[in-house]
Amino acid sequence: MKKTYHYVDVLKFLFAIGVVLQHSLIPFIPNGIYSFIDVCCLRLAIPFFFVASGFFLGNKLYPVGADAGEKGGGYCKRLLKKLVVFEALSIILKSIFLLLTGTSWRSLIKIIGRSVLFYPFGALWYIQAVIVAVIILFPFVKRGKEAYAICLSLPLYGFALLCNRYFFLVSQTPAEKMVLRFNEVFAGPRNGLLYGMLFVAIGLLIAKHWAVLSSKRFLTAAALVVAYLLFITEFFLLKGRVGADDASLHIMTIFVCPLLFIVAAQYNNCWISNTKILRNLSTSIYLLHSPIISCLNIISLLATGQNCPVFVLNILLFGILFLVIYGAYKTKKQPFYDLLT
């Protein structure tokens, strides 16, 4: 029987809600307060999801056997199906939106091409990044060399930091143009090679050594507290320094998110008996929220010539999310239900 990690499911659900709020609540919170909430809370979602993806894939792969390739391939195929379907939908909606706002066909083709290759619309870059990371990491897993993958991915993440929050280190130096050009061509460093590989590899290692880690409750909890305090310190030390892209990547995330996952996975006496529904909801909310936002903005553009007001957008977004997800979960009609969970 597959083990359920109740608090991991709860955190995934809360982080999924946070991702939605991240895209819609900025006008309602003072900038200084929002920047802290954004970086020190909401932005932990993606690296946490990366670690979780590596861990649950690792649970299927370890000990690595003859069917490891089949399991890894099946994992990527399931993600690829979601990526293809929702990216196609996102491309259609984004194209309509851009054309309505005056984007030329030539520019549109360029934007779509870059999106498909490097940074999919609709927040789908995360799924693409996981697929890429798993493909790169699988040879290391088969040979039991996951630690080598960590060594390889650390300097790559270091470059991602320079293209993101630590851009100030190269600002006004000869390397500045290279970093800016990289971000322009590849739509930033948030991808499977520079970002996802490190955290997915950490998740795999956690799964591989879970028998030992699962019992170190006090040690991991204490380490999490220390790491998070250092993370907050890093945030304040970097305030006012020039960043690039979305300025979301930090050094201490490497420690905070894996430790948060380990602590959550160590405890299972949750007050919610069936957290699988929360796990499924986190996936559904993540996949649906961006297409719904796009549809609402397109309708608003056609009706008023402007994007949908944020307050109205939030009300409609959560209302539609509830109706679509409720209908899908109640009927469990295939293949829509499988795509959403």
Protein backbone atom coordinates (compact mmCIF):
# COMPACT_ATOMS: atom_id res chain seq x y z
CA MET A 1 0.00 0.00 0.00
CA LYS A 2 1.34 3.43 -0.97
CA LYS A 3 2.27 5.52 2.08
CA THR A 4 0.60 8.90 2.47
CA TYR A 5 2.59 11.85 3.79
CA HIS A 6 -0.22 13.90 5.24
CA TYR A 7 1.58 17.12 6.11
CA VAL A 8 3.35 17.15 2.76
CA ASP A 9 -0.09 17.01 1.13
CA VAL A 10 -1.29 19.88 3.33
CA LEU A 11 1.75 22.00 2.47
CA LYS A 12 1.38 21.29 -1.25
CA PHE A 13 -2.23 22.48 -1.10
CA LEU A 14 -1.33 25.65 0.84
CA PHE A 15 1.55 26.40 -1.52
CA ALA A 16 -0.75 25.93 -4.52
CA ILE A 17 -3.15 28.49 -3.05
CA GLY A 18 -0.13 30.71 -2.45
CA VAL A 19 0.90 30.49 -6.11
CA VAL A 20 -2.55 31.70 -7.14
CA LEU A 21 -2.50 34.54 -4.61
CA GLN A 22 0.99 35.46 -5.75
CA HIS A 23 -0.44 36.25 -9.17
CA SER A 24 -3.32 38.35 -7.90
CA LEU A 25 -2.92 39.97 -4.47
CA ILE A 26 -0.05 42.41 -5.02
CA PRO A 27 -2.28 45.55 -5.14
CA PHE A 28 -3.87 44.71 -1.77
CA ILE A 29 -0.69 44.50 0.33
CA PRO A 30 1.86 47.29 0.99
CA ASN A 31 4.93 46.71 -1.13
CA GLY A 32 7.40 46.24 1.75
CA ILE A 33 5.22 43.68 3.49
CA TYR A 34 4.35 41.93 0.24
CA SER A 35 7.99 41.54 -0.77
CA PHE A 36 8.71 39.74 2.51
CA ILE A 37 5.65 37.46 2.20
CA ASP A 38 6.44 36.82 -1.45
CA VAL A 39 10.08 35.82 -0.97
CA CYS A 40 10.03 34.22 2.48
CA CYS A 41 6.71 32.34 2.13
CA LEU A 42 5.13 32.15 -1.32
CA ARG A 43 8.35 31.69 -3.29
CA LEU A 44 9.19 28.58 -1.28
CA ALA A 45 6.47 26.74 -3.21
CA ILE A 46 8.38 25.86 -6.38
CA PRO A 47 11.58 24.50 -4.78
CA PHE A 48 9.40 22.60 -2.29
CA PHE A 49 7.48 21.05 -5.21
CA PHE A 50 10.79 20.17 -6.90
CA VAL A 51 12.00 18.39 -3.76
CA ALA A 52 8.66 16.59 -3.43
CA SER A 53 8.82 15.47 -7.07
CA GLY A 54 12.30 14.04 -6.54
CA PHE A 55 11.29 12.32 -3.32
CA PHE A 56 8.17 10.62 -4.67
CA LEU A 57 9.98 9.58 -7.83
CA GLY A 58 12.76 8.22 -5.63
CA ASN A 59 10.23 6.17 -3.66
CA LYS A 60 9.39 4.39 -6.92
CA LEU A 61 12.98 3.94 -8.05
CA TYR A 62 14.83 2.81 -4.91
CA PRO A 63 16.22 0.30 -4.72
CA VAL A 64 17.08 0.80 -8.39
CA GLY A 65 16.00 -2.36 -10.23
CA ALA A 66 15.48 -3.63 -13.74
CA ASP A 67 12.16 -1.79 -14.03
CA ALA A 68 13.63 1.57 -12.96
CA GLY A 69 13.74 2.82 -16.55
CA GLU A 70 10.10 1.93 -17.07
CA LYS A 71 9.05 3.71 -13.87
CA GLY A 72 11.07 6.81 -14.70
CA GLY A 73 9.74 6.84 -18.25
CA GLY A 74 6.16 6.44 -17.03
CA TYR A 75 6.62 9.33 -14.61
CA CYS A 76 7.85 11.64 -17.38
CA LYS A 77 5.07 10.52 -19.76
CA ARG A 78 2.37 11.40 -17.22
CA LEU A 79 3.87 14.86 -16.75
CA LEU A 80 4.36 15.32 -20.48
CA LYS A 81 0.67 14.62 -21.13
CA LYS A 82 -0.33 17.40 -18.73
CA LEU A 83 2.27 19.74 -20.22
CA VAL A 84 1.18 19.18 -23.84
CA VAL A 85 -2.55 19.61 -23.16
CA PHE A 86 -2.35 22.66 -20.91
CA GLU A 87 0.47 24.31 -22.85
CA ALA A 88 -1.57 24.06 -26.05
CA LEU A 89 -4.49 25.69 -24.23
CA SER A 90 -2.21 28.37 -22.77
CA ILE A 91 -0.68 29.16 -26.17
CA ILE A 92 -4.14 29.68 -27.68
CA LEU A 93 -5.28 31.93 -24.82
CA LYS A 94 -2.00 33.88 -24.67
CA SER A 95 -2.07 34.42 -28.44
CA ILE A 96 -5.60 35.83 -28.30
CA PHE A 97 -4.63 38.10 -25.40
CA LEU A 98 -1.46 39.39 -27.11
CA LEU A 99 -3.22 40.01 -30.41
CA LEU A 100 -5.96 41.94 -28.59
CA THR A 101 -3.30 44.11 -26.94
CA GLY A 102 -1.66 44.98 -30.27
CA THR A 103 1.17 42.45 -30.58
CA SER A 104 2.19 41.79 -34.18
CA TRP A 105 2.08 38.29 -35.68
CA ARG A 106 5.85 38.30 -36.09
CA SER A 107 6.43 39.15 -32.44
CA LEU A 108 3.78 36.64 -31.41
CA ILE A 109 5.53 33.79 -33.23
CA LYS A 110 8.82 34.74 -31.57
CA ILE A 111 7.20 34.87 -28.12
CA ILE A 112 5.46 31.51 -28.60
CA GLY A 113 8.65 29.87 -29.88
CA ARG A 114 10.64 31.00 -26.85
CA SER A 115 7.83 29.86 -24.57
CA VAL A 116 7.63 26.36 -26.04
CA LEU A 117 11.39 25.86 -25.92
CA PHE A 118 12.34 27.50 -22.63
CA TYR A 119 9.50 28.89 -20.52
CA PRO A 120 5.96 27.59 -21.16
CA PHE A 121 3.00 29.91 -20.63
CA GLY A 122 0.49 29.26 -17.87
CA ALA A 123 3.05 28.65 -15.09
CA LEU A 124 3.81 25.35 -16.83
CA TRP A 125 7.56 25.93 -16.81
CA TYR A 126 7.65 23.95 -13.56
CA ILE A 127 6.38 20.75 -15.24
CA GLN A 128 8.83 21.19 -18.10
CA ALA A 129 11.64 21.76 -15.59
CA VAL A 130 10.81 18.56 -13.68
CA ILE A 131 10.81 16.51 -16.90
CA VAL A 132 14.16 17.96 -17.97
CA ALA A 133 15.65 17.46 -14.50
CA VAL A 134 14.52 13.83 -14.29
CA ILE A 135 15.92 13.04 -17.75
CA ILE A 136 19.29 14.54 -16.80
CA LEU A 137 19.37 12.88 -13.37
CA PHE A 138 18.29 9.39 -14.38
CA PRO A 139 21.76 8.21 -15.51
CA PHE A 140 23.14 9.33 -12.13
CA VAL A 141 20.38 7.43 -10.31
CA LYS A 142 21.03 4.21 -12.24
CA ARG A 143 24.69 4.34 -11.23
CA GLY A 144 24.02 5.39 -7.64
CA LYS A 145 25.88 8.68 -8.22
CA GLU A 146 23.25 11.16 -7.05
CA ALA A 147 25.88 13.04 -5.03
CA TYR A 148 27.76 13.71 -8.28
CA ALA A 149 24.57 15.23 -9.67
CA ILE A 150 24.43 17.56 -6.66
CA CYS A 151 28.04 18.62 -7.32
CA LEU A 152 27.18 19.32 -10.96
CA SER A 153 23.97 21.19 -10.21
CA LEU A 154 25.39 23.52 -7.52
CA PRO A 155 27.49 25.67 -9.90
CA LEU A 156 24.58 25.69 -12.36
CA TYR A 157 22.32 27.01 -9.60
CA GLY A 158 25.06 29.51 -8.79
CA PHE A 159 24.81 30.83 -12.34
CA ALA A 160 21.02 30.94 -11.94
CA LEU A 161 21.52 33.13 -8.85
CA LEU A 162 23.63 35.57 -10.89
CA CYS A 163 20.85 35.73 -13.48
CA ASN A 164 18.29 36.36 -10.75
CA ARG A 165 18.55 37.72 -7.19
CA TYR A 166 22.34 38.03 -7.16
CA PHE A 167 22.49 39.98 -10.41
CA PHE A 168 24.05 42.88 -8.50
CA LEU A 169 27.31 40.89 -8.35
CA VAL A 170 27.70 41.18 -12.13
CA SER A 171 25.94 44.50 -12.59
CA GLN A 172 28.18 47.09 -14.24
CA THR A 173 30.82 44.45 -15.00
CA PRO A 174 31.75 42.81 -18.34
CA ALA A 175 29.55 39.82 -17.35
CA GLU A 176 26.41 41.96 -17.11
CA LYS A 177 25.66 41.88 -20.85
CA MET A 178 26.12 38.10 -20.98
CA VAL A 179 23.66 37.56 -18.13
CA LEU A 180 21.09 39.96 -19.58
CA ARG A 181 21.43 38.33 -22.98
CA PHE A 182 20.98 34.90 -21.42
CA ASN A 183 17.79 36.03 -19.69
CA GLU A 184 16.51 37.56 -22.91
CA VAL A 185 17.11 34.46 -25.02
CA PHE A 186 16.17 31.78 -22.49
CA ALA A 187 13.47 33.74 -20.61
CA GLY A 188 15.46 33.60 -17.38
CA PRO A 189 17.25 30.89 -15.39
CA ARG A 190 14.18 29.14 -13.99
CA ASN A 191 14.38 25.86 -15.87
CA GLY A 192 15.18 22.21 -15.34
CA LEU A 193 18.93 22.51 -15.85
CA LEU A 194 19.80 25.54 -13.74
CA TYR A 195 17.05 25.39 -11.12
CA GLY A 196 15.08 22.17 -11.06
CA MET A 197 17.95 19.68 -11.23
CA LEU A 198 19.43 20.65 -7.86
CA PHE A 199 16.18 20.41 -5.90
CA VAL A 200 14.93 17.27 -7.65
CA ALA A 201 18.31 15.63 -6.97
CA ILE A 202 18.04 16.59 -3.30
CA GLY A 203 14.56 15.04 -3.21
CA LEU A 204 15.96 11.82 -4.71
CA LEU A 205 18.69 11.70 -2.06
CA ILE A 206 16.13 12.25 0.71
CA ALA A 207 14.15 9.28 -0.60
CA LYS A 208 17.29 7.15 -0.86
CA HIS A 209 18.26 7.84 2.77
CA TRP A 210 14.75 8.15 4.20
CA ALA A 211 15.21 5.24 6.60
CA VAL A 212 17.80 7.32 8.46
CA LEU A 213 16.30 10.78 7.98
CA SER A 214 12.81 9.80 9.07
CA SER A 215 13.93 9.28 12.66
CA LYS A 216 15.95 12.51 13.07
CA ARG A 217 13.00 14.65 14.06
CA PHE A 218 14.60 16.99 16.60
CA LEU A 219 17.73 17.49 14.51
CA THR A 220 15.87 18.34 11.30
CA ALA A 221 13.38 20.62 13.09
CA ALA A 222 16.23 22.54 14.74
CA ALA A 223 18.09 22.74 11.43
CA LEU A 224 14.94 24.06 9.74
CA VAL A 225 14.55 26.84 12.30
CA VAL A 226 18.19 27.89 11.92
CA ALA A 227 18.03 27.69 8.11
CA TYR A 228 14.84 29.76 7.96
CA LEU A 229 16.28 32.45 10.22
CA LEU A 230 19.34 32.61 7.96
CA PHE A 231 17.00 32.80 4.97
CA ILE A 232 15.23 35.81 6.47
CA THR A 233 18.65 37.34 7.18
CA GLU A 234 19.62 36.80 3.54
CA PHE A 235 16.40 38.50 2.43
CA PHE A 236 17.08 41.64 4.47
CA LEU A 237 20.76 41.76 3.51
CA LEU A 238 19.78 41.74 -0.17
CA LYS A 239 17.07 44.41 0.12
CA GLY A 240 17.80 47.30 -2.18
CA ARG A 241 20.36 45.39 -4.24
CA VAL A 242 19.73 45.05 -7.97
CA GLY A 243 18.16 41.75 -9.07
CA ALA A 244 17.09 40.37 -12.43
CA ASP A 245 14.27 38.18 -13.75
CA ASP A 246 11.81 37.74 -10.85
CA ALA A 247 14.57 38.01 -8.17
CA SER A 248 13.19 34.95 -6.37
CA LEU A 249 16.21 32.63 -6.18
CA HIS A 250 18.16 32.60 -2.91
CA ILE A 251 21.05 30.62 -1.47
CA MET A 252 19.29 29.53 1.71
CA THR A 253 16.39 28.04 -0.27
CA ILE A 254 18.75 25.10 -0.88
CA PHE A 255 18.50 24.30 2.83
CA VAL A 256 15.07 25.60 3.84
CA CYS A 257 12.91 23.73 1.34
CA PRO A 258 14.49 20.26 1.72
CA LEU A 259 14.39 20.60 5.51
CA LEU A 260 10.78 21.78 5.41
CA PHE A 261 9.89 18.75 3.29
CA ILE A 262 11.72 16.34 5.62
CA VAL A 263 10.02 17.76 8.72
CA ALA A 264 6.60 17.60 7.04
CA ALA A 265 7.19 14.01 5.90
CA GLN A 266 8.31 12.86 9.33
CA TYR A 267 4.88 13.41 10.91
CA ASN A 268 1.68 11.64 9.92
CA ASN A 269 -0.76 12.22 12.80
CA CYS A 270 -2.70 14.79 10.79
CA TRP A 271 -6.10 16.13 11.85
CA ILE A 272 -7.29 15.57 8.27
CA SER A 273 -7.85 11.86 7.67
CA ASN A 274 -7.85 11.95 3.86
CA THR A 275 -5.21 14.38 2.60
CA LYS A 276 -5.04 12.78 -0.84
CA ILE A 277 -7.83 15.15 -1.88
CA LEU A 278 -5.59 18.09 -0.90
CA ARG A 279 -2.73 16.61 -2.93
CA ASN A 280 -4.98 16.31 -5.98
CA LEU A 281 -6.40 19.78 -5.42
CA SER A 282 -2.91 21.30 -5.39
CA THR A 283 -2.30 19.88 -8.88
CA SER A 284 -5.70 20.95 -10.18
CA ILE A 285 -5.39 24.50 -8.85
CA TYR A 286 -1.91 24.84 -10.31
CA LEU A 287 -2.99 23.65 -13.77
CA LEU A 288 -6.26 25.58 -13.99
CA HIS A 289 -5.62 28.96 -12.40
CA SER A 290 -3.60 30.51 -15.23
CA PRO A 291 -5.98 29.53 -18.09
CA ILE A 292 -8.91 30.86 -16.08
CA ILE A 293 -7.10 34.16 -15.43
CA SER A 294 -6.34 34.43 -19.16
CA CYS A 295 -9.98 33.77 -20.09
CA LEU A 296 -11.23 36.40 -17.64
CA ASN A 297 -8.78 39.01 -18.92
CA ILE A 298 -9.69 38.26 -22.56
CA ILE A 299 -13.40 38.64 -21.80
CA SER A 300 -12.71 41.88 -19.92
CA LEU A 301 -10.58 43.22 -22.79
CA LEU A 302 -13.34 42.50 -25.30
CA ALA A 303 -15.98 44.06 -23.05
CA THR A 304 -14.16 47.06 -21.57
CA GLY A 305 -10.80 47.36 -23.32
CA GLN A 306 -8.96 46.71 -20.05
CA ASN A 307 -7.81 43.75 -17.98
CA CYS A 308 -10.23 42.44 -15.40
CA PRO A 309 -9.98 44.44 -12.13
CA VAL A 310 -7.95 42.50 -9.57
CA PHE A 311 -10.69 42.31 -6.92
CA VAL A 312 -13.24 41.03 -9.44
CA LEU A 313 -10.64 38.71 -10.93
CA ASN A 314 -10.00 37.07 -7.57
CA ILE A 315 -13.66 36.48 -6.83
CA LEU A 316 -14.36 35.04 -10.27
CA LEU A 317 -11.14 33.01 -10.30
CA PHE A 318 -11.80 31.17 -7.05
CA GLY A 319 -15.46 30.74 -7.89
CA ILE A 320 -14.71 29.19 -11.29
CA LEU A 321 -11.91 27.07 -9.83
CA PHE A 322 -14.36 25.67 -7.29
CA LEU A 323 -17.03 24.90 -9.89
CA VAL A 324 -14.67 23.26 -12.40
CA ILE A 325 -12.81 21.21 -9.80
CA TYR A 326 -16.00 20.20 -8.00
CA GLY A 327 -17.55 19.02 -11.26
CA ALA A 328 -14.42 17.12 -12.29
CA TYR A 329 -13.98 15.42 -8.91
CA LYS A 330 -17.67 14.55 -8.56
CA THR A 331 -18.02 12.95 -11.99
CA LYS A 332 -14.40 11.73 -12.32
CA LYS A 333 -14.95 11.79 -16.06
CA GLN A 334 -11.96 10.57 -18.03
CA PRO A 335 -9.58 11.81 -19.35
CA PHE A 336 -10.24 15.26 -17.81
CA TYR A 337 -10.05 14.00 -14.22
CA ASP A 338 -6.73 12.26 -14.83
CA LEU A 339 -5.28 15.42 -16.36
CA LEU A 340 -6.26 17.46 -13.33
CA THR A 341 -4.89 15.10 -10.66
